[in-house]
């Protein structure tokens, strides 16, 4: 009796992963009720992550490999491809961009205009850049420089700044800090044309300034995360979501292979529902995990 019970137990366990020949049913883990469990598990984890940002600010974050030299290179490549002259990296505009990024972290906002009414141009003027034209692009939560510039290029309003013939110089800041409870990286791009064109930055001055940067990512608000290990929230979401989705897809493939091999015909009303749910999940993942945001 004990051996028979063990066999039945193993047989029952097997059908969590494999379809049932006699009953012509899918594996239990592919039953539609389990999809509610998968969705609930994912949503529960999302809730935990969002609650943790309130009680442990700065532990969740996005890491990045963004460099000012690459932002400049990618920006100028796009301008050259569109028949426009390269922009020169200007130290004053870069300092203005740095101050704007720090200001956003300090007052916990992400916008062109601060809650107190401070405009991008205020930072430019404070750094003694007397401009005839000026503009600003912002980005957050990107990993690589090319992703940032490409996102700007894909947006009509940001593309207008990138391809404007009214600008001769540009400044960048790549700053990490805690914003809305998350450790994140902000990128600020400021464009300008000085009223006095004789003050335009030379290539030599640009190169000296680039060399002085050493491509070290600036950081603010670090007191909030001191002693904590920053967890890359995007990576966590990806591993979690794609692990769940990958597990379900693997079950479907196994189900199809096993059914074909053993001639199990089990197309039911729930099959189309399964496919729709997987498609909806895949589309949702593409939206949820799209890297970065721009304004």
C-alpha atoms as a PDB file:
ATOM      1  CA  UNK A   1       0.000   0.000   0.000  1.00  0.00           C
ATOM      2  CA  UNK A   2       2.829   2.350   0.856  1.00  0.00           C
ATOM      3  CA  UNK A   3       4.566   1.674  -2.473  1.00  0.00           C
ATOM      4  CA  UNK A   4       1.301   2.240  -4.340  1.00  0.00           C
ATOM      5  CA  UNK A   5       0.796   5.548  -2.543  1.00  0.00           C
ATOM      6  CA  UNK A   6       4.316   6.622  -3.473  1.00  0.00           C
ATOM      7  CA  UNK A   7       3.710   5.743  -7.123  1.00  0.00           C
ATOM      8  CA  UNK A   8       0.465   7.689  -7.136  1.00  0.00           C
ATOM      9  CA  UNK A   9       2.207  10.609  -5.473  1.00  0.00           C
ATOM     10  CA  UNK A  10       4.969  10.628  -8.079  1.00  0.00           C
ATOM     11  CA  UNK A  11       2.390  10.242 -10.836  1.00  0.00           C
ATOM     12  CA  UNK A  12       0.386  13.142  -9.432  1.00  0.00           C
ATOM     13  CA  UNK A  13       3.492  15.309  -9.079  1.00  0.00           C
ATOM     14  CA  UNK A  14       4.482  14.582 -12.684  1.00  0.00           C
ATOM     15  CA  UNK A  15       1.218  16.009 -13.939  1.00  0.00           C
ATOM     16  CA  UNK A  16       2.032  19.350 -12.408  1.00  0.00           C
ATOM     17  CA  UNK A  17       4.427  19.664 -15.355  1.00  0.00           C
ATOM     18  CA  UNK A  18       3.102  17.222 -17.969  1.00  0.00           C
ATOM     19  CA  UNK A  19      -0.332  16.817 -19.558  1.00  0.00           C
ATOM     20  CA  UNK A  20      -2.536  13.914 -18.498  1.00  0.00           C
ATOM     21  CA  UNK A  21      -2.957  11.192 -21.162  1.00  0.00           C
ATOM     22  CA  UNK A  22      -6.226   9.748 -19.887  1.00  0.00           C
ATOM     23  CA  UNK A  23      -7.932  13.001 -18.891  1.00  0.00           C
ATOM     24  CA  UNK A  24      -6.467  14.917 -21.848  1.00  0.00           C
ATOM     25  CA  UNK A  25      -5.763  17.937 -19.694  1.00  0.00           C
ATOM     26  CA  UNK A  26      -2.865  20.328 -19.584  1.00  0.00           C
ATOM     27  CA  UNK A  27      -0.257  20.191 -16.842  1.00  0.00           C
ATOM     28  CA  UNK A  28      -1.722  21.487 -13.578  1.00  0.00           C
ATOM     29  CA  UNK A  29       0.716  24.421 -13.521  1.00  0.00           C
ATOM     30  CA  UNK A  30      -0.804  25.542 -16.832  1.00  0.00           C
ATOM     31  CA  UNK A  31      -4.354  25.576 -15.532  1.00  0.00           C
ATOM     32  CA  UNK A  32      -5.843  29.047 -15.745  1.00  0.00           C
ATOM     33  CA  UNK A  33      -6.138  29.268 -11.938  1.00  0.00           C
ATOM     34  CA  UNK A  34      -2.349  29.141 -11.672  1.00  0.00           C
ATOM     35  CA  UNK A  35      -2.054  32.220 -13.881  1.00  0.00           C
ATOM     36  CA  UNK A  36      -3.777  34.160 -11.137  1.00  0.00           C
ATOM     37  CA  UNK A  37      -1.123  32.876  -8.762  1.00  0.00           C
ATOM     38  CA  UNK A  38       1.705  33.949 -11.091  1.00  0.00           C
ATOM     39  CA  UNK A  39       0.154  37.398 -11.485  1.00  0.00           C
ATOM     40  CA  UNK A  40      -0.427  37.704  -7.730  1.00  0.00           C
ATOM     41  CA  UNK A  41       3.168  36.692  -7.011  1.00  0.00           C
ATOM     42  CA  UNK A  42       4.495  39.325  -9.367  1.00  0.00           C
ATOM     43  CA  UNK A  43       2.200  42.047  -8.003  1.00  0.00           C
ATOM     44  CA  UNK A  44       3.105  41.110  -4.432  1.00  0.00           C
ATOM     45  CA  UNK A  45       6.792  41.522  -5.199  1.00  0.00           C
ATOM     46  CA  UNK A  46       6.112  44.874  -6.875  1.00  0.00           C
ATOM     47  CA  UNK A  47       4.249  45.958  -3.728  1.00  0.00           C
ATOM     48  CA  UNK A  48       7.165  44.918  -1.491  1.00  0.00           C
ATOM     49  CA  UNK A  49       9.618  46.896  -3.623  1.00  0.00           C
ATOM     50  CA  UNK A  50       7.428  49.996  -3.589  1.00  0.00           C
ATOM     51  CA  UNK A  51       6.875  49.803   0.178  1.00  0.00           C
ATOM     52  CA  UNK A  52      10.608  49.359   0.786  1.00  0.00           C
ATOM     53  CA  UNK A  53      11.445  52.596  -1.035  1.00  0.00           C
ATOM     54  CA  UNK A  54       9.404  54.439   1.607  1.00  0.00           C
ATOM     55  CA  UNK A  55      10.993  52.818   4.645  1.00  0.00           C
ATOM     56  CA  UNK A  56      14.506  52.293   3.234  1.00  0.00           C
ATOM     57  CA  UNK A  57      15.010  55.141   0.736  1.00  0.00           C
ATOM     58  CA  UNK A  58      17.951  54.715  -1.566  1.00  0.00           C
ATOM     59  CA  UNK A  59      18.257  50.944  -1.313  1.00  0.00           C
ATOM     60  CA  UNK A  60      16.406  50.485  -4.594  1.00  0.00           C
ATOM     61  CA  UNK A  61      18.062  51.988  -7.614  1.00  0.00           C
ATOM     62  CA  UNK A  62      19.253  51.967 -11.184  1.00  0.00           C
ATOM     63  CA  UNK A  63      22.913  51.632 -12.001  1.00  0.00           C
ATOM     64  CA  UNK A  64      24.313  53.162 -15.193  1.00  0.00           C
ATOM     65  CA  UNK A  65      27.393  53.379 -17.369  1.00  0.00           C
ATOM     66  CA  UNK A  66      26.645  56.794 -18.841  1.00  0.00           C
ATOM     67  CA  UNK A  67      29.630  58.992 -19.691  1.00  0.00           C
ATOM     68  CA  UNK A  68      29.721  62.656 -20.684  1.00  0.00           C
ATOM     69  CA  UNK A  69      32.284  62.020 -23.425  1.00  0.00           C
ATOM     70  CA  UNK A  70      29.938  59.437 -24.978  1.00  0.00           C
ATOM     71  CA  UNK A  71      26.896  61.700 -24.667  1.00  0.00           C
ATOM     72  CA  UNK A  72      28.834  64.390 -26.512  1.00  0.00           C
ATOM     73  CA  UNK A  73      30.014  61.940 -29.158  1.00  0.00           C
ATOM     74  CA  UNK A  74      26.527  60.480 -29.759  1.00  0.00           C
ATOM     75  CA  UNK A  75      24.932  63.922 -29.870  1.00  0.00           C
ATOM     76  CA  UNK A  76      27.429  65.196 -32.414  1.00  0.00           C
ATOM     77  CA  UNK A  77      27.134  62.039 -34.498  1.00  0.00           C
ATOM     78  CA  UNK A  78      23.408  62.673 -34.874  1.00  0.00           C
ATOM     79  CA  UNK A  79      24.041  66.318 -35.770  1.00  0.00           C
ATOM     80  CA  UNK A  80      26.670  65.385 -38.351  1.00  0.00           C
ATOM     81  CA  UNK A  81      24.343  62.786 -39.878  1.00  0.00           C
ATOM     82  CA  UNK A  82      21.804  65.572 -40.323  1.00  0.00           C
ATOM     83  CA  UNK A  83      24.220  68.064 -41.867  1.00  0.00           C
ATOM     84  CA  UNK A  84      24.750  70.165 -38.745  1.00  0.00           C
ATOM     85  CA  UNK A  85      28.027  71.288 -37.131  1.00  0.00           C
ATOM     86  CA  UNK A  86      29.232  69.647 -33.950  1.00  0.00           C
ATOM     87  CA  UNK A  87      28.476  71.180 -30.579  1.00  0.00           C
ATOM     88  CA  UNK A  88      31.398  72.140 -28.350  1.00  0.00           C
ATOM     89  CA  UNK A  89      31.334  71.028 -24.717  1.00  0.00           C
ATOM     90  CA  UNK A  90      31.142  74.149 -22.567  1.00  0.00           C
ATOM     91  CA  UNK A  91      32.224  74.151 -18.934  1.00  0.00           C
ATOM     92  CA  UNK A  92      29.711  76.802 -17.794  1.00  0.00           C
ATOM     93  CA  UNK A  93      26.790  74.957 -19.365  1.00  0.00           C
ATOM     94  CA  UNK A  94      28.015  71.712 -17.783  1.00  0.00           C
ATOM     95  CA  UNK A  95      28.180  73.364 -14.358  1.00  0.00           C
ATOM     96  CA  UNK A  96      24.666  74.710 -14.905  1.00  0.00           C
ATOM     97  CA  UNK A  97      23.520  71.181 -15.794  1.00  0.00           C
ATOM     98  CA  UNK A  98      25.247  69.838 -12.673  1.00  0.00           C
ATOM     99  CA  UNK A  99      23.487  72.399 -10.479  1.00  0.00           C
ATOM    100  CA  UNK A 100      20.130  71.623 -12.100  1.00  0.00           C
ATOM    101  CA  UNK A 101      20.545  67.897 -11.410  1.00  0.00           C
ATOM    102  CA  UNK A 102      21.550  68.552  -7.789  1.00  0.00           C
ATOM    103  CA  UNK A 103      18.576  70.913  -7.400  1.00  0.00           C
ATOM    104  CA  UNK A 104      16.185  68.201  -8.571  1.00  0.00           C
ATOM    105  CA  UNK A 105      17.582  65.753  -6.027  1.00  0.00           C
ATOM    106  CA  UNK A 106      17.555  68.348  -3.254  1.00  0.00           C
ATOM    107  CA  UNK A 107      13.911  69.294  -3.753  1.00  0.00           C
ATOM    108  CA  UNK A 108      12.774  65.856  -4.964  1.00  0.00           C
ATOM    109  CA  UNK A 109      11.334  66.761  -8.363  1.00  0.00           C
ATOM    110  CA  UNK A 110      11.979  65.890 -11.978  1.00  0.00           C
ATOM    111  CA  UNK A 111      10.878  68.612 -14.361  1.00  0.00           C
ATOM    112  CA  UNK A 112      12.190  71.484 -16.425  1.00  0.00           C
ATOM    113  CA  UNK A 113      10.664  73.970 -13.998  1.00  0.00           C
ATOM    114  CA  UNK A 114      11.130  73.507 -10.244  1.00  0.00           C
ATOM    115  CA  UNK A 115       8.162  73.686  -7.833  1.00  0.00           C
ATOM    116  CA  UNK A 116       9.501  77.059  -6.644  1.00  0.00           C
ATOM    117  CA  UNK A 117       9.447  78.376 -10.220  1.00  0.00           C
ATOM    118  CA  UNK A 118      13.178  78.075 -10.896  1.00  0.00           C
ATOM    119  CA  UNK A 119      13.769  77.706 -14.643  1.00  0.00           C
ATOM    120  CA  UNK A 120      16.648  75.983 -16.464  1.00  0.00           C
ATOM    121  CA  UNK A 121      17.829  79.392 -17.639  1.00  0.00           C
ATOM    122  CA  UNK A 122      18.317  80.483 -14.029  1.00  0.00           C
ATOM    123  CA  UNK A 123      21.101  77.908 -13.651  1.00  0.00           C
ATOM    124  CA  UNK A 124      22.677  79.008 -16.921  1.00  0.00           C
ATOM    125  CA  UNK A 125      22.645  82.671 -15.920  1.00  0.00           C
ATOM    126  CA  UNK A 126      24.013  81.885 -12.453  1.00  0.00           C
ATOM    127  CA  UNK A 127      27.055  80.377 -14.133  1.00  0.00           C
ATOM    128  CA  UNK A 128      27.679  83.599 -16.061  1.00  0.00           C
ATOM    129  CA  UNK A 129      26.657  82.211 -19.435  1.00  0.00           C
ATOM    130  CA  UNK A 130      25.098  85.133 -21.300  1.00  0.00           C
ATOM    131  CA  UNK A 131      23.028  83.373 -23.934  1.00  0.00           C
ATOM    132  CA  UNK A 132      21.038  84.356 -26.989  1.00  0.00           C
ATOM    133  CA  UNK A 133      19.551  80.840 -27.294  1.00  0.00           C
ATOM    134  CA  UNK A 134      19.306  78.061 -24.705  1.00  0.00           C
ATOM    135  CA  UNK A 135      17.581  74.708 -24.298  1.00  0.00           C
ATOM    136  CA  UNK A 136      17.409  71.680 -22.001  1.00  0.00           C
ATOM    137  CA  UNK A 137      16.864  67.932 -22.305  1.00  0.00           C
ATOM    138  CA  UNK A 138      16.422  65.640 -19.280  1.00  0.00           C
ATOM    139  CA  UNK A 139      16.652  61.870 -18.838  1.00  0.00           C
ATOM    140  CA  UNK A 140      16.583  59.377 -15.971  1.00  0.00           C
ATOM    141  CA  UNK A 141      17.058  55.648 -15.322  1.00  0.00           C
ATOM    142  CA  UNK A 142      19.000  54.832 -18.471  1.00  0.00           C
ATOM    143  CA  UNK A 143      21.978  52.454 -18.499  1.00  0.00           C
ATOM    144  CA  UNK A 144      24.040  53.584 -21.454  1.00  0.00           C
ATOM    145  CA  UNK A 145      24.849  56.856 -23.178  1.00  0.00           C
ATOM    146  CA  UNK A 146      23.563  55.771 -26.582  1.00  0.00           C
ATOM    147  CA  UNK A 147      20.169  54.879 -25.051  1.00  0.00           C
ATOM    148  CA  UNK A 148      19.829  58.382 -23.649  1.00  0.00           C
ATOM    149  CA  UNK A 149      20.676  60.183 -26.888  1.00  0.00           C
ATOM    150  CA  UNK A 150      18.556  57.794 -28.966  1.00  0.00           C
ATOM    151  CA  UNK A 151      15.559  58.377 -26.683  1.00  0.00           C
ATOM    152  CA  UNK A 152      15.972  62.131 -27.113  1.00  0.00           C
ATOM    153  CA  UNK A 153      16.280  61.700 -30.876  1.00  0.00           C
ATOM    154  CA  UNK A 154      13.079  59.629 -30.984  1.00  0.00           C
ATOM    155  CA  UNK A 155      11.117  62.391 -29.242  1.00  0.00           C
ATOM    156  CA  UNK A 156      10.070  65.297 -31.517  1.00  0.00           C
ATOM    157  CA  UNK A 157      10.559  68.016 -28.878  1.00  0.00           C
ATOM    158  CA  UNK A 158      13.954  66.679 -27.720  1.00  0.00           C
ATOM    159  CA  UNK A 159      15.038  66.051 -31.294  1.00  0.00           C
ATOM    160  CA  UNK A 160      14.331  69.702 -32.024  1.00  0.00           C
ATOM    161  CA  UNK A 161      16.950  70.643 -29.428  1.00  0.00           C
ATOM    162  CA  UNK A 162      19.450  68.069 -30.710  1.00  0.00           C
ATOM    163  CA  UNK A 163      19.143  69.307 -34.293  1.00  0.00           C
ATOM    164  CA  UNK A 164      18.724  73.023 -33.662  1.00  0.00           C
ATOM    165  CA  UNK A 165      21.029  75.256 -35.710  1.00  0.00           C
ATOM    166  CA  UNK A 166      20.639  77.909 -33.002  1.00  0.00           C
ATOM    167  CA  UNK A 167      23.064  76.152 -30.649  1.00  0.00           C
ATOM    168  CA  UNK A 168      26.848  76.107 -30.773  1.00  0.00           C
ATOM    169  CA  UNK A 169      27.657  74.702 -27.338  1.00  0.00           C
ATOM    170  CA  UNK A 170      26.380  72.039 -24.975  1.00  0.00           C
ATOM    171  CA  UNK A 171      26.819  71.005 -21.367  1.00  0.00           C
ATOM    172  CA  UNK A 172      26.136  67.685 -19.653  1.00  0.00           C
ATOM    173  CA  UNK A 173      25.736  66.384 -16.126  1.00  0.00           C
ATOM    174  CA  UNK A 174      25.371  62.732 -15.062  1.00  0.00           C
ATOM    175  CA  UNK A 175      24.421  62.675 -11.396  1.00  0.00           C
ATOM    176  CA  UNK A 176      23.293  59.891  -9.061  1.00  0.00           C
ATOM    177  CA  UNK A 177      21.164  60.380  -5.972  1.00  0.00           C
ATOM    178  CA  UNK A 178      17.902  59.503  -4.252  1.00  0.00           C
ATOM    179  CA  UNK A 179      14.738  60.694  -5.989  1.00  0.00           C
ATOM    180  CA  UNK A 180      11.257  59.585  -4.875  1.00  0.00           C
ATOM    181  CA  UNK A 181      12.907  56.986  -2.640  1.00  0.00           C
ATOM    182  CA  UNK A 182      14.931  55.416  -5.446  1.00  0.00           C
ATOM    183  CA  UNK A 183      18.655  55.593  -6.065  1.00  0.00           C
ATOM    184  CA  UNK A 184      18.739  56.810  -9.655  1.00  0.00           C
ATOM    185  CA  UNK A 185      20.858  58.571 -12.258  1.00  0.00           C
ATOM    186  CA  UNK A 186      19.761  61.829 -13.850  1.00  0.00           C
ATOM    187  CA  UNK A 187      21.180  63.177 -17.087  1.00  0.00           C
ATOM    188  CA  UNK A 188      20.903  66.880 -17.868  1.00  0.00           C
ATOM    189  CA  UNK A 189      21.799  68.278 -21.279  1.00  0.00           C
ATOM    190  CA  UNK A 190      21.916  72.069 -21.693  1.00  0.00           C
ATOM    191  CA  UNK A 191      22.335  73.821 -25.034  1.00  0.00           C
ATOM    192  CA  UNK A 192      23.449  77.370 -25.635  1.00  0.00           C
ATOM    193  CA  UNK A 193      24.705  80.066 -27.954  1.00  0.00           C
ATOM    194  CA  UNK A 194      26.483  82.979 -26.285  1.00  0.00           C
ATOM    195  CA  UNK A 195      25.514  86.533 -27.219  1.00  0.00           C
ATOM    196  CA  UNK A 196      29.179  87.277 -27.732  1.00  0.00           C
ATOM    197  CA  UNK A 197      30.385  84.672 -30.235  1.00  0.00           C
ATOM    198  CA  UNK A 198      33.986  85.567 -29.473  1.00  0.00           C
ATOM    199  CA  UNK A 199      33.550  83.720 -26.162  1.00  0.00           C
ATOM    200  CA  UNK A 200      32.774  80.378 -27.841  1.00  0.00           C
ATOM    201  CA  UNK A 201      34.656  77.464 -26.334  1.00  0.00           C
ATOM    202  CA  UNK A 202      37.611  76.243 -28.390  1.00  0.00           C
ATOM    203  CA  UNK A 203      38.383  72.589 -29.097  1.00  0.00           C
ATOM    204  CA  UNK A 204      41.454  72.893 -26.865  1.00  0.00           C
ATOM    205  CA  UNK A 205      39.356  74.224 -23.976  1.00  0.00           C
ATOM    206  CA  UNK A 206      36.818  71.471 -24.508  1.00  0.00           C
ATOM    207  CA  UNK A 207      39.480  68.769 -24.426  1.00  0.00           C
ATOM    208  CA  UNK A 208      41.036  70.186 -21.268  1.00  0.00           C
ATOM    209  CA  UNK A 209      37.636  70.230 -19.592  1.00  0.00           C
ATOM    210  CA  UNK A 210      36.891  66.650 -20.679  1.00  0.00           C
ATOM    211  CA  UNK A 211      40.245  65.516 -19.321  1.00  0.00           C
ATOM    212  CA  UNK A 212      39.505  67.177 -15.981  1.00  0.00           C
ATOM    213  CA  UNK A 213      36.234  65.267 -15.596  1.00  0.00           C
ATOM    214  CA  UNK A 214      37.886  61.817 -15.433  1.00  0.00           C
ATOM    215  CA  UNK A 215      34.403  60.507 -16.237  1.00  0.00           C
ATOM    216  CA  UNK A 216      33.566  60.192 -12.555  1.00  0.00           C
ATOM    217  CA  UNK A 217      29.837  60.018 -11.910  1.00  0.00           C
ATOM    218  CA  UNK A 218      28.762  62.750  -9.504  1.00  0.00           C
ATOM    219  CA  UNK A 219      26.610  61.739  -6.541  1.00  0.00           C
ATOM    220  CA  UNK A 220      24.309  63.586  -4.166  1.00  0.00           C
ATOM    221  CA  UNK A 221      22.085  62.552  -1.241  1.00  0.00           C
ATOM    222  CA  UNK A 222      24.525  59.759  -0.435  1.00  0.00           C
ATOM    223  CA  UNK A 223      23.931  60.161   3.313  1.00  0.00           C
ATOM    224  CA  UNK A 224      20.584  58.465   2.801  1.00  0.00           C
ATOM    225  CA  UNK A 225      22.132  55.334   1.393  1.00  0.00           C
ATOM    226  CA  UNK A 226      25.379  55.196   3.322  1.00  0.00           C
ATOM    227  CA  UNK A 227      25.965  51.684   4.638  1.00  0.00           C
ATOM    228  CA  UNK A 228      23.327  50.224   2.330  1.00  0.00           C
ATOM    229  CA  UNK A 229      23.796  48.129  -0.763  1.00  0.00           C
ATOM    230  CA  UNK A 230      21.921  49.696  -3.628  1.00  0.00           C
ATOM    231  CA  UNK A 231      19.713  47.122  -5.319  1.00  0.00           C
ATOM    232  CA  UNK A 232      19.181  47.625  -9.024  1.00  0.00           C
ATOM    233  CA  UNK A 233      15.382  47.614  -9.100  1.00  0.00           C
ATOM    234  CA  UNK A 234      15.247  47.245 -12.877  1.00  0.00           C
ATOM    235  CA  UNK A 235      17.377  44.102 -12.753  1.00  0.00           C
ATOM    236  CA  UNK A 236      15.199  42.646  -9.987  1.00  0.00           C
ATOM    237  CA  UNK A 237      12.032  43.281 -11.960  1.00  0.00           C
ATOM    238  CA  UNK A 238      13.558  41.783 -15.070  1.00  0.00           C
ATOM    239  CA  UNK A 239      14.750  38.622 -13.348  1.00  0.00           C
ATOM    240  CA  UNK A 240      11.460  38.179 -11.554  1.00  0.00           C
ATOM    241  CA  UNK A 241       9.176  38.884 -14.490  1.00  0.00           C
ATOM    242  CA  UNK A 242      11.143  36.998 -17.095  1.00  0.00           C
ATOM    243  CA  UNK A 243      11.680  34.072 -14.727  1.00  0.00           C
ATOM    244  CA  UNK A 244       7.930  33.751 -14.283  1.00  0.00           C
ATOM    245  CA  UNK A 245       7.231  34.252 -17.975  1.00  0.00           C
ATOM    246  CA  UNK A 246      10.087  31.916 -18.959  1.00  0.00           C
ATOM    247  CA  UNK A 247       8.813  29.225 -16.594  1.00  0.00           C
ATOM    248  CA  UNK A 248       5.320  29.394 -18.094  1.00  0.00           C
ATOM    249  CA  UNK A 249       6.642  29.389 -21.665  1.00  0.00           C
ATOM    250  CA  UNK A 250       8.860  26.407 -20.863  1.00  0.00           C
ATOM    251  CA  UNK A 251       5.805  24.567 -19.529  1.00  0.00           C
ATOM    252  CA  UNK A 252       3.928  25.354 -22.731  1.00  0.00           C
ATOM    253  CA  UNK A 253       6.783  24.026 -24.876  1.00  0.00           C
ATOM    254  CA  UNK A 254       7.050  20.893 -22.760  1.00  0.00           C
ATOM    255  CA  UNK A 255       3.282  20.507 -22.917  1.00  0.00           C
ATOM    256  CA  UNK A 256       3.285  20.791 -26.700  1.00  0.00           C
ATOM    257  CA  UNK A 257       6.206  18.404 -27.167  1.00  0.00           C
ATOM    258  CA  UNK A 258       4.784  15.779 -24.784  1.00  0.00           C
ATOM    259  CA  UNK A 259       1.288  16.037 -26.281  1.00  0.00           C
ATOM    260  CA  UNK A 260       2.579  15.623 -29.836  1.00  0.00           C
ATOM    261  CA  UNK A 261       4.794  12.697 -28.864  1.00  0.00           C
ATOM    262  CA  UNK A 262       1.942  10.844 -27.133  1.00  0.00           C
ATOM    263  CA  UNK A 263      -0.874  11.991 -29.402  1.00  0.00           C
ATOM    264  CA  UNK A 264      -2.783  13.872 -26.707  1.00  0.00           C
ATOM    265  CA  UNK A 265      -5.466  16.117 -28.223  1.00  0.00           C
ATOM    266  CA  UNK A 266      -6.475  18.565 -25.534  1.00  0.00           C
ATOM    267  CA  UNK A 267      -7.288  21.894 -27.206  1.00  0.00           C
ATOM    268  CA  UNK A 268      -9.761  23.417 -24.811  1.00  0.00           C
ATOM    269  CA  UNK A 269     -11.487  26.715 -24.304  1.00  0.00           C
ATOM    270  CA  UNK A 270      -8.753  27.700 -21.904  1.00  0.00           C
ATOM    271  CA  UNK A 271      -6.023  27.344 -24.545  1.00  0.00           C
ATOM    272  CA  UNK A 272      -6.891  30.602 -26.250  1.00  0.00           C
ATOM    273  CA  UNK A 273      -7.150  32.270 -22.843  1.00  0.00           C
ATOM    274  CA  UNK A 274      -3.647  31.051 -21.989  1.00  0.00           C
ATOM    275  CA  UNK A 275      -2.233  32.413 -25.213  1.00  0.00           C
ATOM    276  CA  UNK A 276      -3.950  35.761 -24.723  1.00  0.00           C
ATOM    277  CA  UNK A 277      -2.627  36.023 -21.162  1.00  0.00           C
ATOM    278  CA  UNK A 278       0.927  35.249 -22.274  1.00  0.00           C
ATOM    279  CA  UNK A 279       0.711  37.788 -25.090  1.00  0.00           C
ATOM    280  CA  UNK A 280      -0.684  40.410 -22.711  1.00  0.00           C
ATOM    281  CA  UNK A 281       2.084  39.649 -20.203  1.00  0.00           C
ATOM    282  CA  UNK A 282       4.791  39.970 -22.854  1.00  0.00           C
ATOM    283  CA  UNK A 283       3.396  43.304 -24.065  1.00  0.00           C
ATOM    284  CA  UNK A 284       3.101  44.556 -20.484  1.00  0.00           C
ATOM    285  CA  UNK A 285       6.728  43.623 -19.795  1.00  0.00           C
ATOM    286  CA  UNK A 286       7.878  45.596 -22.812  1.00  0.00           C
ATOM    287  CA  UNK A 287       6.043  48.647 -21.469  1.00  0.00           C
ATOM    288  CA  UNK A 288       6.993  48.213 -17.805  1.00  0.00           C
ATOM    289  CA  UNK A 289      10.660  47.514 -18.382  1.00  0.00           C
ATOM    290  CA  UNK A 290      11.366  50.041 -21.058  1.00  0.00           C
ATOM    291  CA  UNK A 291      14.588  51.641 -19.951  1.00  0.00           C
ATOM    292  CA  UNK A 292      14.518  55.214 -18.807  1.00  0.00           C
ATOM    293  CA  UNK A 293      12.317  58.252 -19.201  1.00  0.00           C
ATOM    294  CA  UNK A 294      12.842  61.652 -20.761  1.00  0.00           C
ATOM    295  CA  UNK A 295      11.213  65.057 -20.475  1.00  0.00           C
END
